[in-house]
Amino acid sequence: MLSVSLFVALLTTHYESESVVSDNLELIKRSRNHLDYINPYPNTTLTSDYGLTEHIYFTHKAYNINAKFEHINGHQDDNLEYQQLSPKAQLNIDADALAGIFQKDHGTYLPKVQMLPSCQLF
C-alpha cells in the first residue's frame, strides 16, 4: 500500500485521485484509524507494520492526498474467471502476479533495508 500511496502522490501532481485500494484489510483499518490522530498512541507503535502505516500517513499529508481507503478481496480468481472480476480485482491479481515474478527472479537478493523516513532513530 505504501507503493500505491507514493504512486498516487506522484499522480496527483498531474491528475486528481483519491482512492487507495489494497487487499490487506488490517493495513486499511490502521490507515483509516490514523486519520483520527496526528501523533501515534504508544500501543500503535507496537503493532506490526507500524513504520509502514506511519509512512503512508505522512506521504498522504505531504502531498495533500485526501485518500479513501478501500478493501478489495484478494485471490478472487480462485472462484471466478479473470474477465468476470471488477477492474480493481483484476489489477490486484496483476500486481500479485508481477510481485511473484519479481520474487522468482530476485528473491535471493537481500539488500540492507533502510529505515523509513517516518521511523527515524533518536
Protein backbone atom coordinates (compact mmCIF):
# COMPACT_ATOMS: atom_id res chain seq x y z
CA MET A 1 0.00 0.00 0.00
CA LEU A 2 2.98 2.33 0.52
CA SER A 3 3.96 1.95 -3.12
CA VAL A 4 0.40 2.81 -4.12
CA SER A 5 0.48 5.87 -1.86
CA LEU A 6 3.72 7.06 -3.41
CA PHE A 7 2.34 6.41 -6.89
CA VAL A 8 -0.82 8.37 -6.06
CA ALA A 9 1.36 11.16 -4.68
CA LEU A 10 3.18 11.41 -7.99
CA LEU A 11 -0.05 11.11 -9.93
CA THR A 12 -1.69 13.95 -8.03
CA THR A 13 0.83 16.35 -9.48
CA HIS A 14 -0.96 15.79 -12.82
CA TYR A 15 -4.32 14.21 -12.00
CA GLU A 16 -6.76 14.06 -9.12
CA SER A 17 -7.06 10.66 -7.46
CA GLU A 18 -8.43 9.81 -4.05
CA SER A 19 -8.78 6.05 -3.88
CA VAL A 20 -6.20 3.72 -2.36
CA VAL A 21 -7.11 0.05 -2.79
CA SER A 22 -5.49 -2.88 -1.02
CA ASP A 23 -6.28 -6.50 -0.18
CA ASN A 24 -4.60 -6.02 3.22
CA LEU A 25 -7.62 -5.30 5.41
CA GLU A 26 -5.60 -4.74 8.58
CA LEU A 27 -3.46 -2.08 6.89
CA ILE A 28 -6.63 -0.43 5.56
CA LYS A 29 -8.09 -0.36 9.10
CA ARG A 30 -4.91 1.14 10.57
CA SER A 31 -4.70 3.76 7.84
CA ARG A 32 -8.34 4.73 8.35
CA ASN A 33 -7.86 4.93 12.11
CA HIS A 34 -4.77 7.10 11.67
CA LEU A 35 -6.92 9.77 10.04
CA ASP A 36 -8.35 10.48 13.52
CA TYR A 37 -4.99 11.37 15.12
CA ILE A 38 -1.68 13.02 14.23
CA ASN A 39 0.70 11.68 16.86
CA PRO A 40 0.67 7.91 17.28
CA TYR A 41 -0.52 6.34 20.51
CA PRO A 42 2.06 4.18 22.29
CA ASN A 43 0.07 0.99 21.62
CA THR A 44 0.03 1.70 17.85
CA THR A 45 3.84 1.82 17.81
CA LEU A 46 3.92 -1.83 18.91
CA THR A 47 1.80 -3.16 16.03
CA SER A 48 3.31 -4.95 13.08
CA ASP A 49 3.97 -2.73 10.08
CA TYR A 50 3.83 0.37 12.30
CA GLY A 51 6.52 2.07 10.18
CA LEU A 52 4.63 1.33 7.00
CA THR A 53 1.39 2.77 8.39
CA GLU A 54 3.22 5.92 9.52
CA HIS A 55 4.94 6.38 6.17
CA ILE A 56 1.63 6.02 4.32
CA TYR A 57 0.12 8.64 6.64
CA PHE A 58 2.99 11.11 6.19
CA THR A 59 3.07 10.58 2.42
CA HIS A 60 -0.61 11.49 2.24
CA LYS A 61 -0.05 14.55 4.45
CA ALA A 62 2.98 15.74 2.45
CA TYR A 63 1.15 15.53 -0.88
CA ASN A 64 -2.27 16.62 0.42
CA ILE A 65 -3.85 13.32 -0.57
CA ASN A 66 -7.35 13.01 0.86
CA ALA A 67 -7.37 9.27 0.44
CA LYS A 68 -10.36 6.99 0.57
CA PHE A 69 -9.11 3.57 1.68
CA GLU A 70 -10.88 0.68 0.02
CA HIS A 71 -10.53 -3.03 0.68
CA ILE A 72 -10.66 -5.49 -2.19
CA ASN A 73 -10.79 -9.22 -1.55
CA GLY A 74 -7.63 -11.00 -2.58
CA HIS A 75 -7.48 -14.15 -4.68
CA GLN A 76 -10.95 -13.71 -6.17
CA ASP A 77 -9.67 -15.52 -9.25
CA ASP A 78 -9.86 -18.75 -7.23
CA ASN A 79 -13.66 -18.72 -7.74
CA LEU A 80 -14.26 -16.52 -10.80
CA GLU A 81 -12.73 -16.08 -14.21
CA TYR A 82 -10.45 -13.07 -14.62
CA GLN A 83 -12.84 -11.39 -17.08
CA GLN A 84 -15.73 -11.67 -14.60
CA LEU A 85 -13.88 -9.66 -11.93
CA SER A 86 -14.05 -5.93 -11.34
CA PRO A 87 -11.20 -3.83 -12.77
CA LYS A 88 -9.83 -3.29 -9.23
CA ALA A 89 -9.80 -7.04 -8.57
CA GLN A 90 -8.07 -7.60 -11.92
CA LEU A 91 -5.41 -5.03 -11.02
CA ASN A 92 -4.90 -6.74 -7.67
CA ILE A 93 -4.35 -10.07 -9.41
CA ASP A 94 -1.96 -8.45 -11.89
CA ALA A 95 0.01 -6.82 -9.06
CA ASP A 96 0.26 -10.17 -7.23
CA ALA A 97 1.47 -11.87 -10.42
CA LEU A 98 4.12 -9.20 -11.04
CA ALA A 99 5.27 -9.43 -7.42
CA GLY A 100 5.59 -13.20 -7.83
CA ILE A 101 7.67 -12.80 -10.99
CA PHE A 102 9.93 -10.30 -9.27
CA GLN A 103 10.32 -12.59 -6.25
CA LYS A 104 11.16 -15.53 -8.51
CA ASP A 105 13.79 -13.54 -10.40
CA HIS A 106 15.23 -11.55 -7.48
CA GLY A 107 14.15 -13.44 -4.36
CA THR A 108 17.68 -14.41 -3.35
CA TYR A 109 18.83 -10.78 -3.29
CA LEU A 110 18.62 -9.49 0.27
CA PRO A 111 19.70 -5.85 0.36
CA LYS A 112 20.07 -3.84 3.54
CA VAL A 113 16.72 -2.21 4.11
CA GLN A 114 16.86 1.46 5.00
CA MET A 115 14.68 2.86 7.75
CA LEU A 116 11.60 4.65 6.50
CA PRO A 117 11.81 8.44 6.95
CA SER A 118 8.81 8.33 9.27
CA CYS A 119 10.65 6.00 11.68
CA GLN A 120 13.82 7.92 12.45
CA LEU A 121 16.06 6.84 15.29
CA PHE A 122 16.61 9.39 18.03
